[in-house]
All heavy atoms as atom14 arrays in JSON, in Angstrom:
{
  "sequence": "LEEKINSKKRAWKEKEAHYADMINAYRKEKKEKK",
  "atom14_mask": [
    [1, 1, 1, 1, 1, 1, 1, 1, 0, 0, 0, 0, 0, 0],
    [1, 1, 1, 1, 1, 1, 1, 1, 1, 0, 0, 0, 0, 0],
    [1, 1, 1, 1, 1, 1, 1, 1, 1, 0, 0, 0, 0, 0],
    [1, 1, 1, 1, 1, 1, 1, 1, 1, 0, 0, 0, 0, 0],
    [1, 1, 1, 1, 1, 1, 1, 1, 0, 0, 0, 0, 0, 0],
    [1, 1, 1, 1, 1, 1, 1, 1, 0, 0, 0, 0, 0, 0],
    [1, 1, 1, 1, 1, 1, 0, 0, 0, 0, 0, 0, 0, 0],
    [1, 1, 1, 1, 1, 1, 1, 1, 1, 0, 0, 0, 0, 0],
    [1, 1, 1, 1, 1, 1, 1, 1, 1, 0, 0, 0, 0, 0],
    [1, 1, 1, 1, 1, 1, 1, 1, 1, 1, 1, 0, 0, 0],
    [1, 1, 1, 1, 1, 0, 0, 0, 0, 0, 0, 0, 0, 0],
    [1, 1, 1, 1, 1, 1, 1, 1, 1, 1, 1, 1, 1, 1],
    [1, 1, 1, 1, 1, 1, 1, 1, 1, 0, 0, 0, 0, 0],
    [1, 1, 1, 1, 1, 1, 1, 1, 1, 0, 0, 0, 0, 0],
    [1, 1, 1, 1, 1, 1, 1, 1, 1, 0, 0, 0, 0, 0],
    [1, 1, 1, 1, 1, 1, 1, 1, 1, 0, 0, 0, 0, 0],
    [1, 1, 1, 1, 1, 0, 0, 0, 0, 0, 0, 0, 0, 0],
    [1, 1, 1, 1, 1, 1, 1, 1, 1, 1, 0, 0, 0, 0],
    [1, 1, 1, 1, 1, 1, 1, 1, 1, 1, 1, 1, 0, 0],
    [1, 1, 1, 1, 1, 0, 0, 0, 0, 0, 0, 0, 0, 0],
    [1, 1, 1, 1, 1, 1, 1, 1, 0, 0, 0, 0, 0, 0],
    [1, 1, 1, 1, 1, 1, 1, 1, 0, 0, 0, 0, 0, 0],
    [1, 1, 1, 1, 1, 1, 1, 1, 0, 0, 0, 0, 0, 0],
    [1, 1, 1, 1, 1, 1, 1, 1, 0, 0, 0, 0, 0, 0],
    [1, 1, 1, 1, 1, 0, 0, 0, 0, 0, 0, 0, 0, 0],
    [1, 1, 1, 1, 1, 1, 1, 1, 1, 1, 1, 1, 0, 0],
    [1, 1, 1, 1, 1, 1, 1, 1, 1, 1, 1, 0, 0, 0],
    [1, 1, 1, 1, 1, 1, 1, 1, 1, 0, 0, 0, 0, 0],
    [1, 1, 1, 1, 1, 1, 1, 1, 1, 0, 0, 0, 0, 0],
    [1, 1, 1, 1, 1, 1, 1, 1, 1, 0, 0, 0, 0, 0],
    [1, 1, 1, 1, 1, 1, 1, 1, 1, 0, 0, 0, 0, 0],
    [1, 1, 1, 1, 1, 1, 1, 1, 1, 0, 0, 0, 0, 0],
    [1, 1, 1, 1, 1, 1, 1, 1, 1, 0, 0, 0, 0, 0],
    [1, 1, 1, 1, 1, 1, 1, 1, 1, 0, 0, 0, 0, 0]
  ],
  "atom14_positions": [
    [[-137.19, -63.95, 124.85], [-135.98, -64.35, 124.11], [-135.64, -65.81, 124.3], [-135.23, -66.46, 123.32], [-134.84, -63.42, 124.57], [-134.91, -61.93, 124.1], [-133.75, -61.18, 124.74], [-134.88, -61.83, 122.63], [0.0, 0.0, 0.0], [0.0, 0.0, 0.0], [0.0, 0.0, 0.0], [0.0, 0.0, 0.0], [0.0, 0.0, 0.0], [0.0, 0.0, 0.0]],
    [[-135.77, -66.3, 125.51], [-135.46, -67.73, 125.77], [-136.44, -68.64, 124.98], [-136.02, -69.67, 124.42], [-135.54, -68.04, 127.26], [-134.33, -67.51, 128.04], [-134.45, -67.78, 129.54], [-135.37, -68.49, 129.97], [-133.57, -67.27, 130.23], [0.0, 0.0, 0.0], [0.0, 0.0, 0.0], [0.0, 0.0, 0.0], [0.0, 0.0, 0.0], [0.0, 0.0, 0.0]],
    [[-137.7, -68.25, 124.94], [-138.69, -69.06, 124.15], [-138.3, -69.1, 122.67], [-138.36, -70.11, 122.04], [-140.1, -68.44, 124.31], [-140.75, -68.72, 125.65], [-142.09, -68.06, 125.8], [-142.69, -67.7, 124.74], [-142.56, -67.93, 126.96], [0.0, 0.0, 0.0], [0.0, 0.0, 0.0], [0.0, 0.0, 0.0], [0.0, 0.0, 0.0], [0.0, 0.0, 0.0]],
    [[-137.93, -67.92, 122.17], [-137.55, -67.87, 120.76], [-136.27, -68.68, 120.5], [-136.26, -69.36, 119.54], [-137.31, -66.41, 120.3], [-138.56, -65.63, 120.13], [-138.43, -64.32, 119.5], [-139.75, -63.66, 119.33], [-139.72, -62.66, 118.22], [0.0, 0.0, 0.0], [0.0, 0.0, 0.0], [0.0, 0.0, 0.0], [0.0, 0.0, 0.0], [0.0, 0.0, 0.0]],
    [[-135.29, -68.57, 121.42], [-134.06, -69.35, 121.21], [-134.38, -70.81, 121.3], [-133.84, -71.6, 120.52], [-133.01, -68.9, 122.27], [-132.53, -67.51, 121.98], [-131.89, -69.89, 122.4], [-131.73, -66.86, 123.07], [0.0, 0.0, 0.0], [0.0, 0.0, 0.0], [0.0, 0.0, 0.0], [0.0, 0.0, 0.0], [0.0, 0.0, 0.0], [0.0, 0.0, 0.0]],
    [[-135.18, -71.24, 122.27], [-135.52, -72.68, 122.41], [-136.27, -73.17, 121.2], [-136.04, -74.33, 120.8], [-136.29, -72.89, 123.7], [-135.39, -72.76, 124.95], [-134.24, -72.87, 124.88], [-136.04, -72.42, 126.06], [0.0, 0.0, 0.0], [0.0, 0.0, 0.0], [0.0, 0.0, 0.0], [0.0, 0.0, 0.0], [0.0, 0.0, 0.0], [0.0, 0.0, 0.0]],
    [[-137.19, -72.38, 120.63], [-137.94, -72.8, 119.44], [-136.99, -72.96, 118.27], [-137.11, -73.88, 117.48], [-139.09, -71.86, 119.12], [-138.59, -70.63, 118.72], [0.0, 0.0, 0.0], [0.0, 0.0, 0.0], [0.0, 0.0, 0.0], [0.0, 0.0, 0.0], [0.0, 0.0, 0.0], [0.0, 0.0, 0.0], [0.0, 0.0, 0.0], [0.0, 0.0, 0.0]],
    [[-136.0, -72.04, 118.16], [-135.06, -72.15, 117.05], [-134.12, -73.41, 117.27], [-133.82, -74.05, 116.32], [-134.14, -70.89, 117.03], [-134.83, -69.63, 116.65], [-135.26, -69.63, 115.21], [-135.96, -68.29, 114.89], [-136.37, -68.21, 113.52], [0.0, 0.0, 0.0], [0.0, 0.0, 0.0], [0.0, 0.0, 0.0], [0.0, 0.0, 0.0], [0.0, 0.0, 0.0]],
    [[-133.77, -73.66, 118.5], [-132.95, -74.85, 118.8], [-133.7, -76.1, 118.46], [-133.18, -77.04, 117.88], [-132.54, -74.89, 120.31], [-131.43, -73.97, 120.64], [-131.04, -74.11, 122.13], [-129.92, -73.23, 122.54], [-129.58, -73.35, 123.93], [0.0, 0.0, 0.0], [0.0, 0.0, 0.0], [0.0, 0.0, 0.0], [0.0, 0.0, 0.0], [0.0, 0.0, 0.0]],
    [[-135.04, -76.17, 118.83], [-135.79, -77.3, 118.48], [-135.91, -77.51, 117.0], [-135.76, -78.59, 116.43], [-137.26, -77.13, 119.06], [-137.45, -77.91, 120.35], [-138.89, -77.86, 120.88], [-138.97, -76.7, 121.75], [-139.72, -75.62, 121.6], [-140.48, -75.52, 120.49], [-139.77, -74.65, 122.43], [0.0, 0.0, 0.0], [0.0, 0.0, 0.0], [0.0, 0.0, 0.0]],
    [[-136.13, -76.41, 116.29], [-136.27, -76.49, 114.79], [-134.94, -76.99, 114.21], [-134.92, -77.8, 113.29], [-136.64, -75.11, 114.25], [0.0, 0.0, 0.0], [0.0, 0.0, 0.0], [0.0, 0.0, 0.0], [0.0, 0.0, 0.0], [0.0, 0.0, 0.0], [0.0, 0.0, 0.0], [0.0, 0.0, 0.0], [0.0, 0.0, 0.0], [0.0, 0.0, 0.0]],
    [[-133.83, -76.48, 114.75], [-132.49, -76.86, 114.26], [-132.27, -78.36, 114.51], [-131.76, -79.09, 113.62], [-131.41, -76.05, 114.92], [-130.04, -76.3, 114.44], [-129.07, -77.07, 115.04], [-129.51, -75.96, 113.2], [-127.98, -77.14, 114.31], [-128.2, -76.47, 113.12], [-129.97, -75.24, 112.05], [-127.37, -76.3, 112.02], [-129.14, -75.05, 110.99], [-127.87, -75.54, 111.0]],
    [[-132.62, -78.85, 115.71], [-132.47, -80.25, 116.03], [-133.33, -81.12, 115.11], [-132.9, -82.2, 114.68], [-132.81, -80.55, 117.47], [-131.71, -80.08, 118.43], [-132.06, -80.4, 119.85], [-131.0, -79.89, 120.83], [-131.25, -80.14, 122.19], [0.0, 0.0, 0.0], [0.0, 0.0, 0.0], [0.0, 0.0, 0.0], [0.0, 0.0, 0.0], [0.0, 0.0, 0.0]],
    [[-134.52, -80.64, 114.83], [-135.39, -81.44, 113.92], [-134.81, -81.52, 112.51], [-134.82, -82.54, 111.85], [-136.79, -80.73, 113.84], [-137.62, -80.95, 115.1], [-138.92, -80.17, 115.14], [-139.2, -79.43, 114.1], [-139.64, -80.24, 116.15], [0.0, 0.0, 0.0], [0.0, 0.0, 0.0], [0.0, 0.0, 0.0], [0.0, 0.0, 0.0], [0.0, 0.0, 0.0]],
    [[-134.23, -80.4, 112.06], [-133.6, -80.37, 110.75], [-132.38, -81.31, 110.77], [-132.17, -82.03, 109.78], [-133.11, -78.98, 110.37], [-134.14, -78.12, 109.69], [-133.49, -76.82, 109.21], [-134.49, -75.97, 108.48], [-133.94, -74.72, 108.01], [0.0, 0.0, 0.0], [0.0, 0.0, 0.0], [0.0, 0.0, 0.0], [0.0, 0.0, 0.0], [0.0, 0.0, 0.0]],
    [[-131.56, -81.27, 111.81], [-130.39, -82.14, 111.93], [-130.83, -83.61, 111.91], [-130.26, -84.46, 111.17], [-129.66, -81.91, 113.22], [-128.7, -80.76, 113.16], [-127.92, -80.6, 114.45], [-128.37, -81.05, 115.52], [-126.79, -80.12, 114.41], [0.0, 0.0, 0.0], [0.0, 0.0, 0.0], [0.0, 0.0, 0.0], [0.0, 0.0, 0.0], [0.0, 0.0, 0.0]],
    [[-131.9, -83.92, 112.62], [-132.41, -85.32, 112.64], [-132.94, -85.72, 111.24], [-132.61, -86.82, 110.76], [-133.52, -85.43, 113.64], [0.0, 0.0, 0.0], [0.0, 0.0, 0.0], [0.0, 0.0, 0.0], [0.0, 0.0, 0.0], [0.0, 0.0, 0.0], [0.0, 0.0, 0.0], [0.0, 0.0, 0.0], [0.0, 0.0, 0.0], [0.0, 0.0, 0.0]],
    [[-133.61, -84.82, 110.56], [-134.1, -85.1, 109.25], [-132.96, -85.4, 108.26], [-132.95, -86.35, 107.53], [-134.91, -83.92, 108.71], [-135.38, -84.07, 107.31], [-136.29, -85.01, 106.87], [-134.98, -83.37, 106.19], [-136.49, -84.84, 105.61], [-135.71, -83.88, 105.13], [0.0, 0.0, 0.0], [0.0, 0.0, 0.0], [0.0, 0.0, 0.0], [0.0, 0.0, 0.0]],
    [[-131.92, -84.52, 108.27], [-130.82, -84.69, 107.42], [-130.02, -85.93, 107.77], [-129.51, -86.66, 106.91], [-129.86, -83.5, 107.37], [-130.49, -82.34, 106.66], [-130.61, -81.09, 107.27], [-131.01, -82.44, 105.38], [-131.16, -80.02, 106.6], [-131.58, -81.43, 104.71], [-131.67, -80.17, 105.32], [-132.26, -79.13, 104.64], [0.0, 0.0, 0.0], [0.0, 0.0, 0.0]],
    [[-129.9, -86.26, 109.07], [-129.18, -87.49, 109.52], [-129.96, -88.69, 108.98], [-129.32, -89.64, 108.48], [-129.08, -87.53, 111.04], [0.0, 0.0, 0.0], [0.0, 0.0, 0.0], [0.0, 0.0, 0.0], [0.0, 0.0, 0.0], [0.0, 0.0, 0.0], [0.0, 0.0, 0.0], [0.0, 0.0, 0.0], [0.0, 0.0, 0.0], [0.0, 0.0, 0.0]],
    [[-131.25, -88.66, 109.02], [-132.1, -89.74, 108.51], [-131.89, -89.92, 107.0], [-131.76, -91.03, 106.5], [-133.56, -89.54, 108.76], [-133.92, -89.74, 110.25], [-133.08, -90.34, 111.01], [-134.97, -89.25, 110.7], [0.0, 0.0, 0.0], [0.0, 0.0, 0.0], [0.0, 0.0, 0.0], [0.0, 0.0, 0.0], [0.0, 0.0, 0.0], [0.0, 0.0, 0.0]],
    [[-131.84, -88.78, 106.28], [-131.64, -88.83, 104.85], [-130.27, -89.42, 104.5], [-130.15, -90.23, 103.6], [-131.79, -87.43, 104.21], [-133.18, -86.93, 104.19], [-133.3, -85.26, 103.53], [-132.67, -85.38, 101.91], [0.0, 0.0, 0.0], [0.0, 0.0, 0.0], [0.0, 0.0, 0.0], [0.0, 0.0, 0.0], [0.0, 0.0, 0.0], [0.0, 0.0, 0.0]],
    [[-129.26, -89.02, 105.23], [-127.88, -89.54, 105.01], [-127.84, -91.05, 105.28], [-127.27, -91.8, 104.51], [-126.84, -88.76, 105.81], [-126.7, -87.35, 105.26], [-125.53, -89.46, 105.85], [-125.9, -86.42, 106.16], [0.0, 0.0, 0.0], [0.0, 0.0, 0.0], [0.0, 0.0, 0.0], [0.0, 0.0, 0.0], [0.0, 0.0, 0.0], [0.0, 0.0, 0.0]],
    [[-128.44, -91.46, 106.4], [-128.46, -92.89, 106.74], [-129.19, -93.69, 105.7], [-128.76, -94.79, 105.32], [-129.08, -93.11, 108.15], [-128.14, -92.61, 109.19], [-126.95, -92.52, 109.03], [-128.69, -92.3, 110.39], [0.0, 0.0, 0.0], [0.0, 0.0, 0.0], [0.0, 0.0, 0.0], [0.0, 0.0, 0.0], [0.0, 0.0, 0.0], [0.0, 0.0, 0.0]],
    [[-130.33, -93.16, 105.21], [-131.03, -93.89, 104.2], [-130.25, -94.01, 102.88], [-130.24, -95.09, 102.2], [-132.41, -93.15, 103.91], [0.0, 0.0, 0.0], [0.0, 0.0, 0.0], [0.0, 0.0, 0.0], [0.0, 0.0, 0.0], [0.0, 0.0, 0.0], [0.0, 0.0, 0.0], [0.0, 0.0, 0.0], [0.0, 0.0, 0.0], [0.0, 0.0, 0.0]],
    [[-129.54, -92.96, 102.49], [-128.66, -92.95, 101.31], [-127.57, -93.98, 101.51], [-127.31, -94.77, 100.58], [-128.08, -91.59, 101.11], [-127.03, -91.51, 100.04], [-127.39, -91.57, 98.71], [-125.67, -91.45, 100.35], [-126.43, -91.54, 97.69], [-124.72, -91.49, 99.35], [-125.11, -91.48, 98.02], [-124.14, -91.47, 97.03], [0.0, 0.0, 0.0], [0.0, 0.0, 0.0]],
    [[-126.92, -93.98, 102.64], [-125.87, -94.98, 102.89], [-126.37, -96.37, 102.87], [-125.72, -97.25, 102.33], [-125.18, -94.68, 104.24], [-124.31, -93.44, 104.21], [-123.69, -93.21, 105.56], [-122.85, -92.01, 105.52], [-122.49, -91.32, 106.57], [-122.9, -91.72, 107.74], [-121.76, -90.22, 106.48], [0.0, 0.0, 0.0], [0.0, 0.0, 0.0], [0.0, 0.0, 0.0]],
    [[-127.54, -96.6, 103.46], [-128.17, -97.95, 103.48], [-128.45, -98.4, 102.03], [-128.16, -99.54, 101.68], [-129.41, -97.92, 104.36], [-130.06, -99.29, 104.49], [-131.26, -99.21, 105.43], [-131.92, -100.55, 105.54], [-133.14, -100.44, 106.39], [0.0, 0.0, 0.0], [0.0, 0.0, 0.0], [0.0, 0.0, 0.0], [0.0, 0.0, 0.0], [0.0, 0.0, 0.0]],
    [[-129.05, -97.48, 101.26], [-129.4, -97.83, 99.89], [-128.15, -98.15, 99.08], [-128.08, -99.1, 98.3], [-130.13, -96.7, 99.23], [-130.59, -96.91, 97.83], [-131.33, -95.74, 97.26], [-131.89, -94.91, 98.02], [-131.35, -95.59, 96.04], [0.0, 0.0, 0.0], [0.0, 0.0, 0.0], [0.0, 0.0, 0.0], [0.0, 0.0, 0.0], [0.0, 0.0, 0.0]],
    [[-127.08, -97.33, 99.28], [-125.82, -97.58, 98.54], [-125.25, -98.9, 98.95], [-124.75, -99.62, 98.14], [-124.86, -96.42, 98.91], [-123.62, -96.34, 98.02], [-122.86, -95.08, 98.37], [-121.63, -95.0, 97.53], [-120.8, -93.8, 97.86], [0.0, 0.0, 0.0], [0.0, 0.0, 0.0], [0.0, 0.0, 0.0], [0.0, 0.0, 0.0], [0.0, 0.0, 0.0]],
    [[-125.27, -99.23, 100.25], [-124.75, -100.52, 100.73], [-125.55, -101.67, 100.15], [-124.93, -102.7, 99.67], [-124.75, -100.55, 102.21], [-124.18, -101.75, 102.85], [-124.21, -101.69, 104.37], [-123.53, -102.94, 104.98], [-123.61, -102.85, 106.47], [0.0, 0.0, 0.0], [0.0, 0.0, 0.0], [0.0, 0.0, 0.0], [0.0, 0.0, 0.0], [0.0, 0.0, 0.0]],
    [[-126.86, -101.56, 100.09], [-127.7, -102.62, 99.5], [-127.39, -102.79, 98.04], [-127.34, -103.95, 97.52], [-129.19, -102.28, 99.7], [-129.67, -102.44, 101.15], [-131.12, -102.0, 101.34], [-131.72, -101.47, 100.39], [-131.58, -102.1, 102.46], [0.0, 0.0, 0.0], [0.0, 0.0, 0.0], [0.0, 0.0, 0.0], [0.0, 0.0, 0.0], [0.0, 0.0, 0.0]],
    [[-127.22, -101.7, 97.29], [-126.88, -101.81, 95.87], [-125.58, -102.55, 95.68], [-125.47, -103.39, 94.79], [-126.83, -100.42, 95.25], [-128.1, -99.79, 94.91], [-127.93, -98.51, 94.2], [-129.26, -97.85, 93.87], [-129.09, -96.52, 93.2], [0.0, 0.0, 0.0], [0.0, 0.0, 0.0], [0.0, 0.0, 0.0], [0.0, 0.0, 0.0], [0.0, 0.0, 0.0]],
    [[-124.63, -102.19, 96.57], [-123.29, -102.85, 96.45], [-123.39, -104.33, 96.78], [-122.8, -105.19, 96.04], [-122.35, -102.2, 97.44], [-120.93, -102.57, 97.3], [-120.02, -101.75, 98.23], [-118.56, -102.09, 97.99], [-117.71, -101.31, 98.93], [0.0, 0.0, 0.0], [0.0, 0.0, 0.0], [0.0, 0.0, 0.0], [0.0, 0.0, 0.0], [0.0, 0.0, 0.0]]
  ]
}
């Protein structure tokens, strides 16, 4: 159970990092356009 929970946590953190990168890229692009 701990292995499964840890793997889900890792996957969740990877998704969070991916979405944070996408948001930062969007904000940077928007700022550059401005």
